[in-house]
């Protein structure tokens, strides 16, 4: 299977961020970009995008003993 290179141009990153912030699912974003769901999840992680708010992350971290910066 030949893999098609997908470059994350500034325009694609802006569109990804917009869709993410609108609450579009990772699967739907992936379909729009012709990528896998994991590729979208990975990019969101690298961009620091999280669907979990900071208070929610802190509460989870307190339960697990992890440090949230």
PDB file of N, CA and C in Angstrom:
ATOM      1  N   UNK A   1       0.839  -1.178   0.000  1.00  0.00           N
ATOM      2  CA  UNK A   1       0.000   0.000   0.000  1.00  0.00           C
ATOM      3  C   UNK A   1       0.883   1.241   0.000  1.00  0.00           C
ATOM      4  N   UNK A   2       0.712   2.070  -0.984  1.00  0.00           N
ATOM      5  CA  UNK A   2       1.505   3.285  -1.095  1.00  0.00           C
ATOM      6  C   UNK A   2       0.886   4.372  -0.233  1.00  0.00           C
ATOM      7  N   UNK A   3       1.708   4.992   0.590  1.00  0.00           N
ATOM      8  CA  UNK A   3       1.215   6.023   1.488  1.00  0.00           C
ATOM      9  C   UNK A   3       1.342   7.393   0.828  1.00  0.00           C
ATOM     10  N   UNK A   4       0.285   8.162   0.907  1.00  0.00           N
ATOM     11  CA  UNK A   4       0.269   9.515   0.349  1.00  0.00           C
ATOM     12  C   UNK A   4       0.789  10.466   1.425  1.00  0.00           C
ATOM     13  N   UNK A   5       1.786  11.284   1.111  1.00  0.00           N
ATOM     14  CA  UNK A   5       2.294  12.212   2.121  1.00  0.00           C
ATOM     15  C   UNK A   5       1.274  13.308   2.424  1.00  0.00           C
ATOM     16  N   UNK A   6       1.098  13.576   3.691  1.00  0.00           N
ATOM     17  CA  UNK A   6       0.190  14.634   4.128  1.00  0.00           C
ATOM     18  C   UNK A   6       1.008  15.643   4.919  1.00  0.00           C
ATOM     19  N   UNK A   7       1.141  16.806   4.367  1.00  0.00           N
ATOM     20  CA  UNK A   7       1.869  17.856   5.057  1.00  0.00           C
ATOM     21  C   UNK A   7       0.895  18.706   5.851  1.00  0.00           C
ATOM     22  N   UNK A   8       1.271  19.036   7.056  1.00  0.00           N
ATOM     23  CA  UNK A   8       0.455  19.906   7.890  1.00  0.00           C
ATOM     24  C   UNK A   8       0.848  21.347   7.598  1.00  0.00           C
ATOM     25  N   UNK A   9       0.238  21.903   6.578  1.00  0.00           N
ATOM     26  CA  UNK A   9       0.479  23.296   6.225  1.00  0.00           C
ATOM     27  C   UNK A   9      -0.190  24.183   7.264  1.00  0.00           C
ATOM     28  N   UNK A  10       0.202  25.448   7.344  1.00  0.00           N
ATOM     29  CA  UNK A  10      -0.468  26.356   8.280  1.00  0.00           C
ATOM     30  C   UNK A  10      -1.983  26.423   8.047  1.00  0.00           C
ATOM     31  N   UNK A  11      -2.395  26.323   6.790  1.00  0.00           N
ATOM     32  CA  UNK A  11      -3.830  26.368   6.485  1.00  0.00           C
ATOM     33  C   UNK A  11      -4.540  25.127   7.019  1.00  0.00           C
ATOM     34  N   UNK A  12      -3.903  23.969   6.858  1.00  0.00           N
ATOM     35  CA  UNK A  12      -4.505  22.722   7.359  1.00  0.00           C
ATOM     36  C   UNK A  12      -4.547  22.715   8.883  1.00  0.00           C
ATOM     37  N   UNK A  13      -3.505  23.230   9.511  1.00  0.00           N
ATOM     38  CA  UNK A  13      -3.483  23.299  10.978  1.00  0.00           C
ATOM     39  C   UNK A  13      -4.587  24.237  11.467  1.00  0.00           C
ATOM     40  N   UNK A  14      -4.770  25.366  10.784  1.00  0.00           N
ATOM     41  CA  UNK A  14      -5.827  26.308  11.163  1.00  0.00           C
ATOM     42  C   UNK A  14      -7.205  25.661  11.019  1.00  0.00           C
ATOM     43  N   UNK A  15      -7.402  24.914   9.934  1.00  0.00           N
ATOM     44  CA  UNK A  15      -8.679  24.232   9.730  1.00  0.00           C
ATOM     45  C   UNK A  15      -8.887  23.135  10.771  1.00  0.00           C
ATOM     46  N   UNK A  16      -7.842  22.390  11.073  1.00  0.00           N
ATOM     47  CA  UNK A  16      -7.921  21.372  12.113  1.00  0.00           C
ATOM     48  C   UNK A  16      -8.303  22.001  13.448  1.00  0.00           C
ATOM     49  N   UNK A  17      -7.645  23.084  13.793  1.00  0.00           N
ATOM     50  CA  UNK A  17      -7.925  23.767  15.060  1.00  0.00           C
ATOM     51  C   UNK A  17      -9.362  24.276  15.097  1.00  0.00           C
ATOM     52  N   UNK A  18      -9.832  24.849  13.985  1.00  0.00           N
ATOM     53  CA  UNK A  18     -11.201  25.360  13.922  1.00  0.00           C
ATOM     54  C   UNK A  18     -12.208  24.231  14.117  1.00  0.00           C
ATOM     55  N   UNK A  19     -12.021  23.139  13.385  1.00  0.00           N
ATOM     56  CA  UNK A  19     -12.936  22.009  13.506  1.00  0.00           C
ATOM     57  C   UNK A  19     -12.908  21.418  14.919  1.00  0.00           C
ATOM     58  N   UNK A  20     -11.703  21.290  15.472  1.00  0.00           N
ATOM     59  CA  UNK A  20     -11.544  20.767  16.828  1.00  0.00           C
ATOM     60  C   UNK A  20     -12.321  21.637  17.819  1.00  0.00           C
ATOM     61  N   UNK A  21     -12.134  22.963  17.712  1.00  0.00           N
ATOM     62  CA  UNK A  21     -12.787  23.890  18.629  1.00  0.00           C
ATOM     63  C   UNK A  21     -14.299  23.914  18.458  1.00  0.00           C
ATOM     64  N   UNK A  22     -14.779  23.554  17.278  1.00  0.00           N
ATOM     65  CA  UNK A  22     -16.218  23.471  17.046  1.00  0.00           C
ATOM     66  C   UNK A  22     -16.800  22.164  17.579  1.00  0.00           C
ATOM     67  N   UNK A  23     -15.930  21.261  18.024  1.00  0.00           N
ATOM     68  CA  UNK A  23     -16.391  20.007  18.604  1.00  0.00           C
ATOM     69  C   UNK A  23     -16.608  18.891  17.604  1.00  0.00           C
ATOM     70  N   UNK A  24     -16.095  19.053  16.382  1.00  0.00           N
ATOM     71  CA  UNK A  24     -16.215  17.999  15.371  1.00  0.00           C
ATOM     72  C   UNK A  24     -15.405  16.796  15.838  1.00  0.00           C
ATOM     73  N   UNK A  25     -15.939  15.609  15.641  1.00  0.00           N
ATOM     74  CA  UNK A  25     -15.264  14.396  16.118  1.00  0.00           C
ATOM     75  C   UNK A  25     -13.953  14.167  15.362  1.00  0.00           C
ATOM     76  N   UNK A  26     -13.046  13.452  16.017  1.00  0.00           N
ATOM     77  CA  UNK A  26     -11.771  13.126  15.390  1.00  0.00           C
ATOM     78  C   UNK A  26     -11.985  12.304  14.116  1.00  0.00           C
ATOM     79  N   UNK A  27     -12.940  11.410  14.147  1.00  0.00           N
ATOM     80  CA  UNK A  27     -13.221  10.586  12.970  1.00  0.00           C
ATOM     81  C   UNK A  27     -13.712  11.433  11.804  1.00  0.00           C
ATOM     82  N   UNK A  28     -14.577  12.400  12.087  1.00  0.00           N
ATOM     83  CA  UNK A  28     -15.086  13.266  11.020  1.00  0.00           C
ATOM     84  C   UNK A  28     -13.993  14.186  10.480  1.00  0.00           C
ATOM     85  N   UNK A  29     -13.138  14.684  11.357  1.00  0.00           N
ATOM     86  CA  UNK A  29     -12.011  15.512  10.904  1.00  0.00           C
ATOM     87  C   UNK A  29     -11.090  14.675  10.023  1.00  0.00           C
ATOM     88  N   UNK A  30     -10.814  13.455  10.456  1.00  0.00           N
ATOM     89  CA  UNK A  30      -9.941  12.567   9.686  1.00  0.00           C
ATOM     90  C   UNK A  30     -10.515  12.307   8.303  1.00  0.00           C
ATOM     91  N   UNK A  31     -11.808  12.075   8.226  1.00  0.00           N
ATOM     92  CA  UNK A  31     -12.443  11.830   6.930  1.00  0.00           C
ATOM     93  C   UNK A  31     -12.321  13.055   6.030  1.00  0.00           C
ATOM     94  N   UNK A  32     -12.481  14.235   6.592  1.00  0.00           N
ATOM     95  CA  UNK A  32     -12.386  15.462   5.805  1.00  0.00           C
ATOM     96  C   UNK A  32     -10.984  15.657   5.238  1.00  0.00           C
ATOM     97  N   UNK A  33      -9.955  15.287   6.015  1.00  0.00           N
ATOM     98  CA  UNK A  33      -8.574  15.447   5.585  1.00  0.00           C
ATOM     99  C   UNK A  33      -8.018  14.211   4.873  1.00  0.00           C
ATOM    100  N   UNK A  34      -8.815  13.165   4.759  1.00  0.00           N
ATOM    101  CA  UNK A  34      -8.380  11.894   4.173  1.00  0.00           C
ATOM    102  C   UNK A  34      -7.181  11.332   4.939  1.00  0.00           C
ATOM    103  N   UNK A  35      -7.295  11.355   6.264  1.00  0.00           N
ATOM    104  CA  UNK A  35      -6.278  10.833   7.161  1.00  0.00           C
ATOM    105  C   UNK A  35      -6.906   9.804   8.077  1.00  0.00           C
ATOM    106  N   UNK A  36      -6.077   9.148   8.859  1.00  0.00           N
ATOM    107  CA  UNK A  36      -6.614   8.256   9.886  1.00  0.00           C
ATOM    108  C   UNK A  36      -6.966   9.073  11.124  1.00  0.00           C
ATOM    109  N   UNK A  37      -7.831   8.488  11.918  1.00  0.00           N
ATOM    110  CA  UNK A  37      -8.214   9.133  13.176  1.00  0.00           C
ATOM    111  C   UNK A  37      -6.980   9.335  14.054  1.00  0.00           C
ATOM    112  N   UNK A  38      -6.080   8.353  14.070  1.00  0.00           N
ATOM    113  CA  UNK A  38      -4.873   8.458  14.894  1.00  0.00           C
ATOM    114  C   UNK A  38      -3.953   9.576  14.432  1.00  0.00           C
ATOM    115  N   UNK A  39      -3.903   9.828  13.123  1.00  0.00           N
ATOM    116  CA  UNK A  39      -3.084  10.934  12.617  1.00  0.00           C
ATOM    117  C   UNK A  39      -3.617  12.266  13.132  1.00  0.00           C
ATOM    118  N   UNK A  40      -4.931  12.393  13.161  1.00  0.00           N
ATOM    119  CA  UNK A  40      -5.556  13.618  13.662  1.00  0.00           C
ATOM    120  C   UNK A  40      -5.346  13.739  15.167  1.00  0.00           C
ATOM    121  N   UNK A  41      -5.548  12.644  15.884  1.00  0.00           N
ATOM    122  CA  UNK A  41      -5.326  12.658  17.335  1.00  0.00           C
ATOM    123  C   UNK A  41      -3.887  13.040  17.668  1.00  0.00           C
ATOM    124  N   UNK A  42      -2.941  12.464  16.946  1.00  0.00           N
ATOM    125  CA  UNK A  42      -1.530  12.763  17.181  1.00  0.00           C
ATOM    126  C   UNK A  42      -1.215  14.229  16.954  1.00  0.00           C
ATOM    127  N   UNK A  43      -1.743  14.789  15.861  1.00  0.00           N
ATOM    128  CA  UNK A  43      -1.480  16.201  15.575  1.00  0.00           C
ATOM    129  C   UNK A  43      -2.106  17.084  16.634  1.00  0.00           C
ATOM    130  N   UNK A  44      -3.319  16.761  17.056  1.00  0.00           N
ATOM    131  CA  UNK A  44      -3.967  17.542  18.122  1.00  0.00           C
ATOM    132  C   UNK A  44      -3.143  17.494  19.401  1.00  0.00           C
ATOM    133  N   UNK A  45      -2.618  16.324  19.727  1.00  0.00           N
ATOM    134  CA  UNK A  45      -1.764  16.201  20.910  1.00  0.00           C
ATOM    135  C   UNK A  45      -0.513  17.052  20.776  1.00  0.00           C
ATOM    136  N   UNK A  46       0.125  17.011  19.602  1.00  0.00           N
ATOM    137  CA  UNK A  46       1.331  17.808  19.392  1.00  0.00           C
ATOM    138  C   UNK A  46       1.046  19.308  19.428  1.00  0.00           C
ATOM    139  N   UNK A  47      -0.181  19.689  19.051  1.00  0.00           N
ATOM    140  CA  UNK A  47      -0.564  21.101  19.104  1.00  0.00           C
ATOM    141  C   UNK A  47      -1.027  21.521  20.500  1.00  0.00           C
ATOM    142  N   UNK A  48      -1.173  20.542  21.388  1.00  0.00           N
ATOM    143  CA  UNK A  48      -1.619  20.848  22.750  1.00  0.00           C
ATOM    144  C   UNK A  48      -3.121  21.052  22.850  1.00  0.00           C
ATOM    145  N   UNK A  49      -3.867  20.587  21.854  1.00  0.00           N
ATOM    146  CA  UNK A  49      -5.322  20.718  21.885  1.00  0.00           C
ATOM    147  C   UNK A  49      -5.898  19.618  22.761  1.00  0.00           C
ATOM    148  N   UNK A  50      -6.814  20.004  23.626  1.00  0.00           N
ATOM    149  CA  UNK A  50      -7.420  19.040  24.532  1.00  0.00           C
ATOM    150  C   UNK A  50      -8.895  19.353  24.682  1.00  0.00           C
ATOM    151  N   UNK A  51      -9.718  18.347  24.659  1.00  0.00           N
ATOM    152  CA  UNK A  51     -11.163  18.533  24.856  1.00  0.00           C
ATOM    153  C   UNK A  51     -11.479  18.624  26.347  1.00  0.00           C
ATOM    154  N   UNK A  52     -10.503  18.331  27.144  1.00  0.00           N
ATOM    155  CA  UNK A  52     -10.685  18.363  28.582  1.00  0.00           C
ATOM    156  C   UNK A  52     -10.214  19.728  29.087  1.00  0.00           C
ATOM    157  N   UNK A  53     -11.038  20.408  29.863  1.00  0.00           N
ATOM    158  CA  UNK A  53     -10.659  21.721  30.369  1.00  0.00           C
ATOM    159  C   UNK A  53      -9.564  21.596  31.429  1.00  0.00           C
ATOM    160  N   UNK A  54      -8.880  22.686  31.700  1.00  0.00           N
ATOM    161  CA  UNK A  54      -7.807  22.677  32.681  1.00  0.00           C
ATOM    162  C   UNK A  54      -8.300  22.224  34.058  1.00  0.00           C
ATOM    163  N   UNK A  55      -9.444  22.708  34.559  1.00  0.00           N
ATOM    164  CA  UNK A  55      -9.920  22.196  35.857  1.00  0.00           C
ATOM    165  C   UNK A  55     -10.172  20.689  35.845  1.00  0.00           C
ATOM    166  N   UNK A  56     -10.685  20.160  34.717  1.00  0.00           N
ATOM    167  CA  UNK A  56     -10.908  18.720  34.630  1.00  0.00           C
ATOM    168  C   UNK A  56      -9.587  17.971  34.645  1.00  0.00           C
ATOM    169  N   UNK A  57      -8.578  18.492  33.931  1.00  0.00           N
ATOM    170  CA  UNK A  57      -7.261  17.850  33.915  1.00  0.00           C
ATOM    171  C   UNK A  57      -6.640  17.882  35.301  1.00  0.00           C
ATOM    172  N   UNK A  58      -6.780  19.004  36.017  1.00  0.00           N
ATOM    173  CA  UNK A  58      -6.209  19.099  37.363  1.00  0.00           C
ATOM    174  C   UNK A  58      -6.881  18.118  38.315  1.00  0.00           C
ATOM    175  N   UNK A  59      -8.206  17.983  38.205  1.00  0.00           N
ATOM    176  CA  UNK A  59      -8.934  17.047  39.068  1.00  0.00           C
ATOM    177  C   UNK A  59      -8.472  15.616  38.795  1.00  0.00           C
ATOM    178  N   UNK A  60      -8.319  15.255  37.518  1.00  0.00           N
ATOM    179  CA  UNK A  60      -7.854  13.918  37.173  1.00  0.00           C
ATOM    180  C   UNK A  60      -6.426  13.712  37.665  1.00  0.00           C
ATOM    181  N   UNK A  61      -5.593  14.734  37.515  1.00  0.00           N
ATOM    182  CA  UNK A  61      -4.200  14.628  37.949  1.00  0.00           C
ATOM    183  C   UNK A  61      -4.109  14.451  39.454  1.00  0.00           C
ATOM    184  N   UNK A  62      -4.968  15.141  40.190  1.00  0.00           N
ATOM    185  CA  UNK A  62      -4.955  15.017  41.648  1.00  0.00           C
ATOM    186  C   UNK A  62      -5.291  13.588  42.073  1.00  0.00           C
ATOM    187  N   UNK A  63      -6.207  12.973  41.330  1.00  0.00           N
ATOM    188  CA  UNK A  63      -6.594  11.591  41.642  1.00  0.00           C
ATOM    189  C   UNK A  63      -5.474  10.609  41.326  1.00  0.00           C
ATOM    190  N   UNK A  64      -4.739  10.857  40.266  1.00  0.00           N
ATOM    191  CA  UNK A  64      -3.703   9.918  39.843  1.00  0.00           C
ATOM    192  C   UNK A  64      -2.311  10.274  40.352  1.00  0.00           C
ATOM    193  N   UNK A  65      -2.163  11.462  40.926  1.00  0.00           N
ATOM    194  CA  UNK A  65      -0.871  11.875  41.450  1.00  0.00           C
ATOM    195  C   UNK A  65       0.065  12.455  40.417  1.00  0.00           C
ATOM    196  N   UNK A  66      -0.453  12.811  39.227  1.00  0.00           N
ATOM    197  CA  UNK A  66       0.380  13.408  38.187  1.00  0.00           C
ATOM    198  C   UNK A  66       0.425  14.917  38.336  1.00  0.00           C
ATOM    199  N   UNK A  67       1.495  15.512  37.879  1.00  0.00           N
ATOM    200  CA  UNK A  67       1.672  16.955  37.940  1.00  0.00           C
ATOM    201  C   UNK A  67       1.146  17.602  36.669  1.00  0.00           C
ATOM    202  N   UNK A  68       0.297  18.616  36.815  1.00  0.00           N
ATOM    203  CA  UNK A  68      -0.220  19.395  35.679  1.00  0.00           C
ATOM    204  C   UNK A  68       0.423  20.773  35.738  1.00  0.00           C
ATOM    205  N   UNK A  69       1.059  21.145  34.645  1.00  0.00           N
ATOM    206  CA  UNK A  69       1.730  22.460  34.601  1.00  0.00           C
ATOM    207  C   UNK A  69       0.808  23.517  34.087  1.00  0.00           C
TER     208      UNK A  69
END
